[in-house]
Protein backbone atom coordinates (compact mmCIF):
# COMPACT_ATOMS: atom_id res chain seq x y z
CA MET A 1 7.76 11.88 -6.62
CA SER A 2 10.09 9.11 -5.43
CA ALA A 3 9.02 5.82 -3.92
CA ILE A 4 8.62 5.62 -0.15
CA LYS A 5 11.30 3.36 1.33
CA ILE A 6 9.71 3.24 4.81
CA LYS A 7 7.31 0.38 5.56
CA LYS A 8 4.60 -0.16 8.17
CA GLY A 9 6.16 -1.57 11.36
CA ASP A 10 9.61 0.02 10.83
CA LEU A 11 11.28 1.80 13.75
CA VAL A 12 11.95 5.40 12.72
CA LYS A 13 13.38 8.57 14.26
CA VAL A 14 11.77 11.96 13.63
CA ILE A 15 14.48 14.28 12.26
CA ALA A 16 12.45 17.48 11.78
CA GLY A 17 9.46 19.28 13.26
CA LYS A 18 8.02 19.70 16.74
CA ASP A 19 8.71 16.05 17.70
CA LYS A 20 12.37 16.04 16.57
CA ASP A 21 14.48 13.19 18.09
CA LYS A 22 11.43 11.07 19.03
CA GLU A 23 11.49 7.41 18.01
CA GLY A 24 8.49 5.26 17.24
CA LYS A 25 6.99 2.54 15.09
CA VAL A 26 5.32 3.38 11.78
CA ILE A 27 1.57 2.81 12.11
CA ALA A 28 0.52 3.73 8.56
CA VAL A 29 2.06 4.76 5.23
CA ASP A 30 0.18 6.82 2.62
CA HIS A 31 2.01 6.36 -0.69
CA LYS A 32 -0.22 8.82 -2.57
CA LYS A 33 0.33 11.74 -0.18
CA GLY A 34 3.90 10.74 0.77
CA THR A 35 3.16 10.67 4.50
CA VAL A 36 3.74 8.32 7.42
CA THR A 37 2.03 8.09 10.81
CA VAL A 38 4.43 7.43 13.69
CA GLU A 39 3.42 6.05 17.09
CA GLY A 40 3.53 8.83 19.72
CA ALA A 41 4.67 11.57 17.33
CA ASN A 42 2.77 14.54 15.85
CA MET A 43 -0.12 14.19 18.28
CA VAL A 44 -3.26 16.10 17.26
CA THR A 45 -6.56 16.64 19.08
CA LYS A 46 -9.70 15.50 17.34
CA HIS A 47 -13.26 16.39 18.36
CA THR A 48 -15.49 13.32 18.12
CA LYS A 49 -19.26 12.93 18.27
CA PRO A 50 -20.76 10.26 20.53
CA SER A 51 -21.14 6.97 18.65
CA PRO A 52 -21.88 3.32 19.52
CA ALA A 53 -18.10 2.66 19.69
CA ASN A 54 -17.35 5.82 21.71
CA GLN A 55 -20.34 6.54 23.97
CA GLN A 56 -18.84 9.67 25.51
CA GLY A 57 -17.50 11.57 22.51
CA GLY A 58 -15.39 14.64 23.30
CA ILE A 59 -11.78 15.50 22.55
CA VAL A 60 -9.48 12.62 21.58
CA SER A 61 -5.70 12.81 21.10
CA GLN A 62 -4.28 10.78 18.22
CA GLU A 63 -1.26 10.61 15.90
CA GLY A 64 -1.33 12.76 12.78
CA PRO A 65 0.45 12.05 9.50
CA MET A 66 3.82 13.67 8.76
CA ASP A 67 5.87 13.91 5.60
CA VAL A 68 8.11 10.92 4.95
CA SER A 69 11.10 13.28 4.56
CA ASN A 70 10.83 14.12 8.28
CA VAL A 71 11.62 10.57 9.42
CA MET A 72 14.67 8.33 9.11
CA LEU A 73 14.92 4.56 9.56
CA VAL A 74 16.63 3.25 12.71
CA HIS A 75 18.70 0.09 12.10
CA ASN A 76 20.72 -1.48 14.94
CA GLY A 77 20.23 1.67 17.06
CA LYS A 78 21.54 4.05 14.38
CA THR A 79 19.71 6.18 11.83
CA THR A 80 20.47 5.27 8.24
CA LYS A 81 19.49 6.03 4.67
CA ILE A 82 17.94 3.19 2.69
CA GLY A 83 19.15 1.73 -0.57
CA TYR A 84 18.13 -1.29 -2.64
CA LYS A 85 20.12 -4.31 -3.77
CA VAL A 86 19.24 -7.51 -5.64
CA VAL A 87 20.10 -10.57 -3.53
CA ASP A 88 19.31 -14.07 -4.87
CA GLY A 89 16.99 -12.58 -7.50
CA LYS A 90 15.02 -10.56 -4.92
CA LYS A 91 15.07 -6.80 -4.45
CA VAL A 92 15.83 -6.06 -0.77
CA ARG A 93 16.28 -2.91 1.31
CA VAL A 94 19.85 -2.21 2.45
CA ALA A 95 21.12 0.09 5.22
CA ARG A 96 23.37 2.56 3.42
CA ALA A 97 25.48 3.20 6.54
CA THR A 98 26.51 -0.44 7.04
CA GLY A 99 25.50 -2.24 3.86
CA GLU A 100 23.44 -4.78 5.86
CA VAL A 101 20.19 -6.18 4.47
CA ILE A 102 17.22 -4.81 6.44
CA ASP A 103 14.54 -7.30 5.39
């Protein structure tokens, strides 16, 4: 299994599945399972019991995880693959389409 090149807080575009072409921020990354959770994409309904935090309980809609292969990083308004480069002794992510350093 390869390393996940997407980080929490990145803007990504969904390229496969029911939410294809949606854009959103990455909320969570699960390196073990190889999944990401994207804001507003792959919405699932969850049945919750009443609790002190949620007095009512009931059916709640929330984002579900999706495979990292179904999303692509958006850099300067365009989707791009991600590569790595060593700059000043530090390993940085690079947009493969333009060659620009992402972070």
